[in-house]
Amino acid sequence: MKVVEVTGTPQIFGKYGNQVKRRYRCQSGPRKGRIVADPATCSAPINLQKRQTMRNTRRKKQTIQGKRASYTKKYNPTAKIVKNLNKQVKARRRGRAIKFKK
C-alpha cells in the first residue's frame, strides 16, 4: 500500500475555458507536482515524442506565453475565481495559525 492511497490526491480548482473545474495535483510518479484532470494520469507512461515536441514549442513561444499568462491571471474573471478558491483550499488544509499567549 502506498502513502498516496491512504492520504489521497489533493484536489484543487483549475480553469478550463470559461469554467472552473476540479483538478488534482500529482503527489508522485513522473508528473509529480503537475495539475491533471484525472489522478490516474499521474502514473501513466509518458509519450517521449510528444514531450520533446512540446518542449521545443514552449522554448520558441516562451515570451508570448508568459505575457499571455500574466494578462489572463490579471484580467480574466474565471482566473481570479480560481485563484481565490485555491487560496481557501490552502487555508483549510493548513489550518488556522496557533496564537500563543504572552
PDB file of N, CA and C in Angstrom:
ATOM      1  N   MET A   1       0.841  -1.186   0.000  1.00  0.00           N
ATOM      2  CA  MET A   1       0.000   0.000   0.000  1.00  0.00           C
ATOM      3  C   MET A   1       0.883   1.246   0.000  1.00  0.00           C
ATOM      4  N   LYS A   2       0.527   2.195  -0.853  1.00  0.00           N
ATOM      5  CA  LYS A   2       1.299   3.426  -0.970  1.00  0.00           C
ATOM      6  C   LYS A   2       0.705   4.508  -0.082  1.00  0.00           C
ATOM      7  N   VAL A   3       1.522   5.481   0.260  1.00  0.00           N
ATOM      8  CA  VAL A   3       1.080   6.604   1.092  1.00  0.00           C
ATOM      9  C   VAL A   3      -0.012   7.394   0.374  1.00  0.00           C
ATOM     10  N   VAL A   4       0.124   7.524  -0.946  1.00  0.00           N
ATOM     11  CA  VAL A   4      -0.851   8.279  -1.740  1.00  0.00           C
ATOM     12  C   VAL A   4      -2.233   7.640  -1.651  1.00  0.00           C
ATOM     13  N   GLU A   5      -2.275   6.294  -1.580  1.00  0.00           N
ATOM     14  CA  GLU A   5      -3.556   5.598  -1.492  1.00  0.00           C
ATOM     15  C   GLU A   5      -4.261   5.904  -0.183  1.00  0.00           C
ATOM     16  N   VAL A   6      -3.505   6.124   0.873  1.00  0.00           N
ATOM     17  CA  VAL A   6      -4.086   6.417   2.185  1.00  0.00           C
ATOM     18  C   VAL A   6      -4.510   7.878   2.275  1.00  0.00           C
ATOM     19  N   THR A   7      -3.608   8.778   1.898  1.00  0.00           N
ATOM     20  CA  THR A   7      -3.885  10.212   2.035  1.00  0.00           C
ATOM     21  C   THR A   7      -4.762  10.747   0.916  1.00  0.00           C
ATOM     22  N   GLY A   8      -4.707  10.165  -0.271  1.00  0.00           N
ATOM     23  CA  GLY A   8      -5.482  10.653  -1.400  1.00  0.00           C
ATOM     24  C   GLY A   8      -4.739  11.739  -2.155  1.00  0.00           C
ATOM     25  N   THR A   9      -5.241  12.042  -3.336  1.00  0.00           N
ATOM     26  CA  THR A   9      -4.632  13.080  -4.160  1.00  0.00           C
ATOM     27  C   THR A   9      -5.270  14.416  -3.821  1.00  0.00           C
ATOM     28  N   PRO A  10      -4.476  15.451  -3.553  1.00  0.00           N
ATOM     29  CA  PRO A  10      -5.053  16.753  -3.201  1.00  0.00           C
ATOM     30  C   PRO A  10      -5.868  17.342  -4.351  1.00  0.00           C
ATOM     31  N   GLN A  11      -7.085  17.764  -4.021  1.00  0.00           N
ATOM     32  CA  GLN A  11      -7.947  18.374  -5.026  1.00  0.00           C
ATOM     33  C   GLN A  11      -7.782  19.884  -4.994  1.00  0.00           C
ATOM     34  N   ILE A  12      -7.738  20.468  -6.169  1.00  0.00           N
ATOM     35  CA  ILE A  12      -7.665  21.921  -6.297  1.00  0.00           C
ATOM     36  C   ILE A  12      -8.618  22.324  -7.417  1.00  0.00           C
ATOM     37  N   PHE A  13      -8.674  23.608  -7.696  1.00  0.00           N
ATOM     38  CA  PHE A  13      -9.520  24.087  -8.777  1.00  0.00           C
ATOM     39  C   PHE A  13      -8.653  24.577  -9.921  1.00  0.00           C
ATOM     40  N   GLY A  14      -9.145  24.387 -11.133  1.00  0.00           N
ATOM     41  CA  GLY A  14      -8.420  24.836 -12.310  1.00  0.00           C
ATOM     42  C   GLY A  14      -9.369  25.458 -13.310  1.00  0.00           C
ATOM     43  N   LYS A  15      -8.811  26.251 -14.213  1.00  0.00           N
ATOM     44  CA  LYS A  15      -9.600  26.926 -15.234  1.00  0.00           C
ATOM     45  C   LYS A  15      -9.620  26.055 -16.482  1.00  0.00           C
ATOM     46  N   TYR A  16     -10.808  25.878 -17.047  1.00  0.00           N
ATOM     47  CA  TYR A  16     -10.962  25.127 -18.281  1.00  0.00           C
ATOM     48  C   TYR A  16     -11.879  25.939 -19.174  1.00  0.00           C
ATOM     49  N   GLY A  17     -11.319  26.732 -20.081  1.00  0.00           N
ATOM     50  CA  GLY A  17     -12.122  27.663 -20.873  1.00  0.00           C
ATOM     51  C   GLY A  17     -12.643  28.749 -19.952  1.00  0.00           C
ATOM     52  N   ASN A  18     -13.950  28.907 -19.917  1.00  0.00           N
ATOM     53  CA  ASN A  18     -14.566  29.877 -19.011  1.00  0.00           C
ATOM     54  C   ASN A  18     -15.207  29.195 -17.817  1.00  0.00           C
ATOM     55  N   GLN A  19     -14.833  27.952 -17.556  1.00  0.00           N
ATOM     56  CA  GLN A  19     -15.414  27.197 -16.452  1.00  0.00           C
ATOM     57  C   GLN A  19     -14.364  26.908 -15.390  1.00  0.00           C
ATOM     58  N   VAL A  20     -14.847  26.707 -14.173  1.00  0.00           N
ATOM     59  CA  VAL A  20     -13.973  26.290 -13.075  1.00  0.00           C
ATOM     60  C   VAL A  20     -14.218  24.804 -12.860  1.00  0.00           C
ATOM     61  N   LYS A  21     -13.172  24.015 -12.928  1.00  0.00           N
ATOM     62  CA  LYS A  21     -13.296  22.564 -12.766  1.00  0.00           C
ATOM     63  C   LYS A  21     -12.391  22.090 -11.646  1.00  0.00           C
ATOM     64  N   ARG A  22     -12.718  20.933 -11.093  1.00  0.00           N
ATOM     65  CA  ARG A  22     -11.880  20.334 -10.065  1.00  0.00           C
ATOM     66  C   ARG A  22     -10.710  19.627 -10.739  1.00  0.00           C
ATOM     67  N   ARG A  23      -9.523  19.839 -10.211  1.00  0.00           N
ATOM     68  CA  ARG A  23      -8.314  19.221 -10.735  1.00  0.00           C
ATOM     69  C   ARG A  23      -7.567  18.546  -9.590  1.00  0.00           C
ATOM     70  N   TYR A  24      -6.540  17.797  -9.935  1.00  0.00           N
ATOM     71  CA  TYR A  24      -5.759  17.063  -8.940  1.00  0.00           C
ATOM     72  C   TYR A  24      -4.286  17.377  -9.132  1.00  0.00           C
ATOM     73  N   ARG A  25      -3.556  17.485  -8.031  1.00  0.00           N
ATOM     74  CA  ARG A  25      -2.111  17.714  -8.096  1.00  0.00           C
ATOM     75  C   ARG A  25      -1.414  16.381  -7.840  1.00  0.00           C
ATOM     76  N   CYS A  26      -0.557  15.973  -8.765  1.00  0.00           N
ATOM     77  CA  CYS A  26       0.147  14.688  -8.646  1.00  0.00           C
ATOM     78  C   CYS A  26       1.119  14.725  -7.469  1.00  0.00           C
ATOM     79  N   GLN A  27       1.057  13.717  -6.625  1.00  0.00           N
ATOM     80  CA  GLN A  27       1.932  13.614  -5.460  1.00  0.00           C
ATOM     81  C   GLN A  27       3.172  12.778  -5.750  1.00  0.00           C
ATOM     82  N   SER A  28       3.062  11.896  -6.755  1.00  0.00           N
ATOM     83  CA  SER A  28       4.198  11.021  -7.070  1.00  0.00           C
ATOM     84  C   SER A  28       4.157  10.670  -8.553  1.00  0.00           C
ATOM     85  N   GLY A  29       5.146   9.922  -8.981  1.00  0.00           N
ATOM     86  CA  GLY A  29       5.200   9.500 -10.376  1.00  0.00           C
ATOM     87  C   GLY A  29       5.953  10.500 -11.239  1.00  0.00           C
ATOM     88  N   PRO A  30       5.980  10.237 -12.542  1.00  0.00           N
ATOM     89  CA  PRO A  30       6.744  11.112 -13.442  1.00  0.00           C
ATOM     90  C   PRO A  30       6.158  12.515 -13.573  1.00  0.00           C
ATOM     91  N   ARG A  31       4.909  12.697 -13.166  1.00  0.00           N
ATOM     92  CA  ARG A  31       4.261  14.015 -13.261  1.00  0.00           C
ATOM     93  C   ARG A  31       4.102  14.680 -11.895  1.00  0.00           C
ATOM     94  N   LYS A  32       4.984  14.383 -10.977  1.00  0.00           N
ATOM     95  CA  LYS A  32       4.884  14.930  -9.622  1.00  0.00           C
ATOM     96  C   LYS A  32       4.837  16.458  -9.649  1.00  0.00           C
ATOM     97  N   GLY A  33       3.832  17.030  -8.978  1.00  0.00           N
ATOM     98  CA  GLY A  33       3.681  18.481  -8.920  1.00  0.00           C
ATOM     99  C   GLY A  33       2.804  19.052 -10.014  1.00  0.00           C
ATOM    100  N   ARG A  34       2.492  18.265 -11.017  1.00  0.00           N
ATOM    101  CA  ARG A  34       1.684  18.747 -12.138  1.00  0.00           C
ATOM    102  C   ARG A  34       0.199  18.662 -11.800  1.00  0.00           C
ATOM    103  N   ILE A  35      -0.576  19.566 -12.366  1.00  0.00           N
ATOM    104  CA  ILE A  35      -2.022  19.574 -12.162  1.00  0.00           C
ATOM    105  C   ILE A  35      -2.662  18.823 -13.321  1.00  0.00           C
ATOM    106  N   VAL A  36      -3.463  17.797 -12.999  1.00  0.00           N
ATOM    107  CA  VAL A  36      -4.087  16.960 -14.023  1.00  0.00           C
ATOM    108  C   VAL A  36      -5.578  16.810 -13.753  1.00  0.00           C
ATOM    109  N   ALA A  37      -6.334  16.397 -14.777  1.00  0.00           N
ATOM    110  CA  ALA A  37      -7.777  16.248 -14.658  1.00  0.00           C
ATOM    111  C   ALA A  37      -8.151  14.941 -13.959  1.00  0.00           C
ATOM    112  N   ASP A  38      -7.321  13.924 -14.112  1.00  0.00           N
ATOM    113  CA  ASP A  38      -7.628  12.605 -13.560  1.00  0.00           C
ATOM    114  C   ASP A  38      -6.415  12.093 -12.780  1.00  0.00           C
ATOM    115  N   PRO A  39      -6.605  11.644 -11.524  1.00  0.00           N
ATOM    116  CA  PRO A  39      -5.459  11.167 -10.730  1.00  0.00           C
ATOM    117  C   PRO A  39      -4.712   9.994 -11.364  1.00  0.00           C
ATOM    118  N   ALA A  40      -5.399   9.204 -12.191  1.00  0.00           N
ATOM    119  CA  ALA A  40      -4.753   8.063 -12.839  1.00  0.00           C
ATOM    120  C   ALA A  40      -3.676   8.519 -13.828  1.00  0.00           C
ATOM    121  N   THR A  41      -3.774   9.736 -14.300  1.00  0.00           N
ATOM    122  CA  THR A  41      -2.805  10.283 -15.259  1.00  0.00           C
ATOM    123  C   THR A  41      -1.415  10.400 -14.643  1.00  0.00           C
ATOM    124  N   CYS A  42      -1.353  10.576 -13.328  1.00  0.00           N
ATOM    125  CA  CYS A  42      -0.069  10.802 -12.645  1.00  0.00           C
ATOM    126  C   CYS A  42       0.924   9.669 -12.880  1.00  0.00           C
ATOM    127  N   SER A  43       0.424   8.443 -12.937  1.00  0.00           N
ATOM    128  CA  SER A  43       1.325   7.298 -13.083  1.00  0.00           C
ATOM    129  C   SER A  43       1.312   6.722 -14.497  1.00  0.00           C
ATOM    130  N   ALA A  44       0.619   7.365 -15.433  1.00  0.00           N
ATOM    131  CA  ALA A  44       0.562   6.875 -16.813  1.00  0.00           C
ATOM    132  C   ALA A  44       1.925   7.038 -17.485  1.00  0.00           C
ATOM    133  N   PRO A  45       2.256   6.149 -18.419  1.00  0.00           N
ATOM    134  CA  PRO A  45       3.547   6.276 -19.105  1.00  0.00           C
ATOM    135  C   PRO A  45       3.596   7.546 -19.950  1.00  0.00           C
ATOM    136  N   ILE A  46       4.793   8.091 -20.105  1.00  0.00           N
ATOM    137  CA  ILE A  46       4.969   9.345 -20.830  1.00  0.00           C
ATOM    138  C   ILE A  46       5.306   9.069 -22.291  1.00  0.00           C
ATOM    139  N   ASN A  47       4.653   9.791 -23.185  1.00  0.00           N
ATOM    140  CA  ASN A  47       4.959   9.724 -24.611  1.00  0.00           C
ATOM    141  C   ASN A  47       6.128  10.677 -24.871  1.00  0.00           C
ATOM    142  N   LEU A  48       7.310  10.119 -25.090  1.00  0.00           N
ATOM    143  CA  LEU A  48       8.528  10.924 -25.211  1.00  0.00           C
ATOM    144  C   LEU A  48       8.527  11.842 -26.432  1.00  0.00           C
ATOM    145  N   GLN A  49       7.925  11.396 -27.520  1.00  0.00           N
ATOM    146  CA  GLN A  49       7.901  12.224 -28.727  1.00  0.00           C
ATOM    147  C   GLN A  49       7.052  13.477 -28.498  1.00  0.00           C
ATOM    148  N   LYS A  50       5.882  13.306 -27.863  1.00  0.00           N
ATOM    149  CA  LYS A  50       5.021  14.454 -27.559  1.00  0.00           C
ATOM    150  C   LYS A  50       5.708  15.396 -26.576  1.00  0.00           C
ATOM    151  N   ARG A  51       6.408  14.814 -25.618  1.00  0.00           N
ATOM    152  CA  ARG A  51       7.104  15.630 -24.619  1.00  0.00           C
ATOM    153  C   ARG A  51       8.166  16.508 -25.285  1.00  0.00           C
ATOM    154  N   GLN A  52       8.943  15.922 -26.178  1.00  0.00           N
ATOM    155  CA  GLN A  52      10.005  16.665 -26.854  1.00  0.00           C
ATOM    156  C   GLN A  52       9.430  17.758 -27.751  1.00  0.00           C
ATOM    157  N   THR A  53       8.342  17.442 -28.458  1.00  0.00           N
ATOM    158  CA  THR A  53       7.692  18.430 -29.325  1.00  0.00           C
ATOM    159  C   THR A  53       7.207  19.618 -28.507  1.00  0.00           C
ATOM    160  N   MET A  54       6.587  19.336 -27.361  1.00  0.00           N
ATOM    161  CA  MET A  54       6.055  20.398 -26.517  1.00  0.00           C
ATOM    162  C   MET A  54       7.183  21.240 -25.924  1.00  0.00           C
ATOM    163  N   ARG A  55       8.278  20.610 -25.562  1.00  0.00           N
ATOM    164  CA  ARG A  55       9.429  21.355 -25.035  1.00  0.00           C
ATOM    165  C   ARG A  55       9.948  22.349 -26.072  1.00  0.00           C
ATOM    166  N   ASN A  56      10.068  21.884 -27.312  1.00  0.00           N
ATOM    167  CA  ASN A  56      10.548  22.758 -28.385  1.00  0.00           C
ATOM    168  C   ASN A  56       9.578  23.912 -28.637  1.00  0.00           C
ATOM    169  N   THR A  57       8.292  23.606 -28.642  1.00  0.00           N
ATOM    170  CA  THR A  57       7.274  24.634 -28.867  1.00  0.00           C
ATOM    171  C   THR A  57       7.314  25.674 -27.766  1.00  0.00           C
ATOM    172  N   ARG A  58       7.391  25.226 -26.525  1.00  0.00           N
ATOM    173  CA  ARG A  58       7.427  26.155 -25.389  1.00  0.00           C
ATOM    174  C   ARG A  58       8.674  27.027 -25.424  1.00  0.00           C
ATOM    175  N   ARG A  59       9.780  26.452 -25.858  1.00  0.00           N
ATOM    176  CA  ARG A  59      11.026  27.208 -25.952  1.00  0.00           C
ATOM    177  C   ARG A  59      10.892  28.330 -26.988  1.00  0.00           C
ATOM    178  N   LYS A  60      10.235  28.030 -28.103  1.00  0.00           N
ATOM    179  CA  LYS A  60      10.062  29.021 -29.160  1.00  0.00           C
ATOM    180  C   LYS A  60       9.080  30.119 -28.756  1.00  0.00           C
ATOM    181  N   LYS A  61       8.020  29.754 -28.052  1.00  0.00           N
ATOM    182  CA  LYS A  61       6.930  30.689 -27.733  1.00  0.00           C
ATOM    183  C   LYS A  61       7.015  31.229 -26.306  1.00  0.00           C
ATOM    184  N   GLN A  62       8.169  31.129 -25.695  1.00  0.00           N
ATOM    185  CA  GLN A  62       8.344  31.434 -24.276  1.00  0.00           C
ATOM    186  C   GLN A  62       7.882  32.845 -23.897  1.00  0.00           C
ATOM    187  N   THR A  63       8.299  33.852 -24.650  1.00  0.00           N
ATOM    188  CA  THR A  63       7.985  35.237 -24.267  1.00  0.00           C
ATOM    189  C   THR A  63       6.503  35.538 -24.403  1.00  0.00           C
ATOM    190  N   ILE A  64       5.906  35.152 -25.523  1.00  0.00           N
ATOM    191  CA  ILE A  64       4.484  35.447 -25.737  1.00  0.00           C
ATOM    192  C   ILE A  64       3.620  34.663 -24.756  1.00  0.00           C
ATOM    193  N   GLN A  65       4.041  33.437 -24.432  1.00  0.00           N
ATOM    194  CA  GLN A  65       3.293  32.609 -23.490  1.00  0.00           C
ATOM    195  C   GLN A  65       3.271  33.245 -22.107  1.00  0.00           C
ATOM    196  N   GLY A  66       4.409  33.765 -21.693  1.00  0.00           N
ATOM    197  CA  GLY A  66       4.496  34.426 -20.393  1.00  0.00           C
ATOM    198  C   GLY A  66       3.624  35.661 -20.328  1.00  0.00           C
ATOM    199  N   LYS A  67       3.645  36.463 -21.396  1.00  0.00           N
ATOM    200  CA  LYS A  67       2.829  37.681 -21.427  1.00  0.00           C
ATOM    201  C   LYS A  67       1.342  37.352 -21.410  1.00  0.00           C
ATOM    202  N   ARG A  68       0.948  36.358 -22.177  1.00  0.00           N
ATOM    203  CA  ARG A  68      -0.462  35.960 -22.221  1.00  0.00           C
ATOM    204  C   ARG A  68      -0.921  35.427 -20.871  1.00  0.00           C
ATOM    205  N   ALA A  69      -0.083  34.613 -20.254  1.00  0.00           N
ATOM    206  CA  ALA A  69      -0.437  34.030 -18.956  1.00  0.00           C
ATOM    207  C   ALA A  69      -0.610  35.111 -17.906  1.00  0.00           C
ATOM    208  N   SER A  70       0.308  36.085 -17.884  1.00  0.00           N
ATOM    209  CA  SER A  70       0.210  37.149 -16.883  1.00  0.00           C
ATOM    210  C   SER A  70      -1.023  38.012 -17.134  1.00  0.00           C
ATOM    211  N   TYR A  71      -1.349  38.272 -18.399  1.00  0.00           N
ATOM    212  CA  TYR A  71      -2.539  39.059 -18.739  1.00  0.00           C
ATOM    213  C   TYR A  71      -3.802  38.325 -18.288  1.00  0.00           C
ATOM    214  N   THR A  72      -3.854  37.019 -18.574  1.00  0.00           N
ATOM    215  CA  THR A  72      -5.013  36.210 -18.200  1.00  0.00           C
ATOM    216  C   THR A  72      -5.201  36.203 -16.693  1.00  0.00           C
ATOM    217  N   LYS A  73      -4.115  35.982 -15.952  1.00  0.00           N
ATOM    218  CA  LYS A  73      -4.207  35.923 -14.491  1.00  0.00           C
ATOM    219  C   LYS A  73      -4.626  37.253 -13.895  1.00  0.00           C
ATOM    220  N   LYS A  74      -4.301  38.341 -14.589  1.00  0.00           N
ATOM    221  CA  LYS A  74      -4.607  39.671 -14.077  1.00  0.00           C
ATOM    222  C   LYS A  74      -6.042  40.104 -14.398  1.00  0.00           C
ATOM    223  N   TYR A  75      -6.542  39.781 -15.586  1.00  0.00           N
ATOM    224  CA  TYR A  75      -7.812  40.340 -16.050  1.00  0.00           C
ATOM    225  C   TYR A  75      -8.956  39.344 -16.228  1.00  0.00           C
ATOM    226  N   ASN A  76      -8.676  38.070 -16.419  1.00  0.00           N
ATOM    227  CA  ASN A  76      -9.741  37.100 -16.667  1.00  0.00           C
ATOM    228  C   ASN A  76     -10.509  36.797 -15.382  1.00  0.00           C
ATOM    229  N   PRO A  77     -11.844  37.009 -15.369  1.00  0.00           N
ATOM    230  CA  PRO A  77     -12.622  36.789 -14.145  1.00  0.00           C
ATOM    231  C   PRO A  77     -12.587  35.337 -13.658  1.00  0.00           C
ATOM    232  N   THR A  78     -12.561  34.381 -14.599  1.00  0.00           N
ATOM    233  CA  THR A  78     -12.504  32.968 -14.213  1.00  0.00           C
ATOM    234  C   THR A  78     -11.193  32.655 -13.511  1.00  0.00           C
ATOM    235  N   ALA A  79     -10.097  33.224 -14.004  1.00  0.00           N
ATOM    236  CA  ALA A  79      -8.784  33.005 -13.389  1.00  0.00           C
ATOM    237  C   ALA A  79      -8.751  33.578 -11.974  1.00  0.00           C
ATOM    238  N   LYS A  80      -9.409  34.725 -11.778  1.00  0.00           N
ATOM    239  CA  LYS A  80      -9.468  35.332 -10.446  1.00  0.00           C
ATOM    240  C   LYS A  80     -10.266  34.464  -9.484  1.00  0.00           C
ATOM    241  N   ILE A  81     -11.367  33.884  -9.968  1.00  0.00           N
ATOM    242  CA  ILE A  81     -12.189  32.994  -9.134  1.00  0.00           C
ATOM    243  C   ILE A  81     -11.371  31.785  -8.706  1.00  0.00           C
ATOM    244  N   VAL A  82     -10.654  31.190  -9.658  1.00  0.00           N
ATOM    245  CA  VAL A  82      -9.819  30.014  -9.374  1.00  0.00           C
ATOM    246  C   VAL A  82      -8.767  30.351  -8.331  1.00  0.00           C
ATOM    247  N   LYS A  83      -8.153  31.511  -8.463  1.00  0.00           N
ATOM    248  CA  LYS A  83      -7.120  31.945  -7.521  1.00  0.00           C
ATOM    249  C   LYS A  83      -7.682  32.028  -6.108  1.00  0.00           C
ATOM    250  N   ASN A  84      -8.857  32.654  -5.961  1.00  0.00           N
ATOM    251  CA  ASN A  84      -9.469  32.795  -4.637  1.00  0.00           C
ATOM    252  C   ASN A  84      -9.915  31.455  -4.067  1.00  0.00           C
ATOM    253  N   LEU A  85     -10.452  30.575  -4.913  1.00  0.00           N
ATOM    254  CA  LEU A  85     -10.871  29.250  -4.446  1.00  0.00           C
ATOM    255  C   LEU A  85      -9.677  28.453  -3.936  1.00  0.00           C
ATOM    256  N   ASN A  86      -8.564  28.515  -4.652  1.00  0.00           N
ATOM    257  CA  ASN A  86      -7.374  27.773  -4.233  1.00  0.00           C
ATOM    258  C   ASN A  86      -6.747  28.359  -2.974  1.00  0.00           C
ATOM    259  N   LYS A  87      -6.905  29.672  -2.760  1.00  0.00           N
ATOM    260  CA  LYS A  87      -6.457  30.276  -1.506  1.00  0.00           C
ATOM    261  C   LYS A  87      -7.240  29.687  -0.341  1.00  0.00           C
ATOM    262  N   GLN A  88      -8.558  29.534  -0.532  1.00  0.00           N
ATOM    263  CA  GLN A  88      -9.406  28.969   0.514  1.00  0.00           C
ATOM    264  C   GLN A  88      -9.024  27.524   0.799  1.00  0.00           C
ATOM    265  N   VAL A  89      -8.750  26.762  -0.252  1.00  0.00           N
ATOM    266  CA  VAL A  89      -8.351  25.358  -0.091  1.00  0.00           C
ATOM    267  C   VAL A  89      -7.064  25.276   0.713  1.00  0.00           C
ATOM    268  N   LYS A  90      -6.102  26.153   0.384  1.00  0.00           N
ATOM    269  CA  LYS A  90      -4.821  26.185   1.089  1.00  0.00           C
ATOM    270  C   LYS A  90      -5.015  26.489   2.568  1.00  0.00           C
ATOM    271  N   ALA A  91      -5.862  27.480   2.846  1.00  0.00           N
ATOM    272  CA  ALA A  91      -6.100  27.886   4.234  1.00  0.00           C
ATOM    273  C   ALA A  91      -6.752  26.760   5.027  1.00  0.00           C
ATOM    274  N   ARG A  92      -7.701  26.060   4.415  1.00  0.00           N
ATOM    275  CA  ARG A  92      -8.370  24.942   5.099  1.00  0.00           C
ATOM    276  C   ARG A  92      -7.390  23.822   5.385  1.00  0.00           C
ATOM    277  N   ARG A  93      -6.522  23.537   4.419  1.00  0.00           N
ATOM    278  CA  ARG A  93      -5.562  22.449   4.573  1.00  0.00           C
ATOM    279  C   ARG A  93      -4.529  22.768   5.643  1.00  0.00           C
ATOM    280  N   ARG A  94      -4.133  24.041   5.687  1.00  0.00           N
ATOM    281  CA  ARG A  94      -3.093  24.469   6.615  1.00  0.00           C
ATOM    282  C   ARG A  94      -3.640  24.598   8.027  1.00  0.00           C
ATOM    283  N   GLY A  95      -4.907  24.945   8.149  1.00  0.00           N
ATOM    284  CA  GLY A  95      -5.485  25.184   9.470  1.00  0.00           C
ATOM    285  C   GLY A  95      -5.161  26.584   9.936  1.00  0.00           C
ATOM    286  N   ARG A  96      -5.782  26.983  10.983  1.00  0.00           N
ATOM    287  CA  ARG A  96      -5.546  28.335  11.491  1.00  0.00           C
ATOM    288  C   ARG A  96      -4.239  28.397  12.262  1.00  0.00           C
ATOM    289  N   ALA A  97      -3.652  29.574  12.248  1.00  0.00           N
ATOM    290  CA  ALA A  97      -2.395  29.766  12.965  1.00  0.00           C
ATOM    291  C   ALA A  97      -2.642  29.679  14.465  1.00  0.00           C
ATOM    292  N   ILE A  98      -1.721  29.079  15.172  1.00  0.00           N
ATOM    293  CA  ILE A  98      -1.841  28.939  16.624  1.00  0.00           C
ATOM    294  C   ILE A  98      -1.348  30.220  17.278  1.00  0.00           C
ATOM    295  N   LYS A  99      -2.168  30.776  18.137  1.00  0.00           N
ATOM    296  CA  LYS A  99      -1.785  32.006  18.827  1.00  0.00           C
ATOM    297  C   LYS A  99      -1.316  31.654  20.231  1.00  0.00           C
ATOM    298  N   PHE A 100      -0.146  32.133  20.575  1.00  0.00           N
ATOM    299  CA  PHE A 100       0.408  31.880  21.895  1.00  0.00           C
ATOM    300  C   PHE A 100       0.149  33.075  22.796  1.00  0.00           C
ATOM    301  N   LYS A 101      -0.215  32.787  24.030  1.00  0.00           N
ATOM    302  CA  LYS A 101      -0.431  33.870  24.999  1.00  0.00           C
ATOM    303  C   LYS A 101       0.899  34.254  25.610  1.00  0.00           C
ATOM    304  N   LYS A 102       1.053  35.551  25.878  1.00  0.00           N
ATOM    305  CA  LYS A 102       2.308  36.021  26.461  1.00  0.00           C
ATOM    306  C   LYS A 102       2.224  36.057  27.961  1.00  0.00           C
TER     307      LYS A 102
END
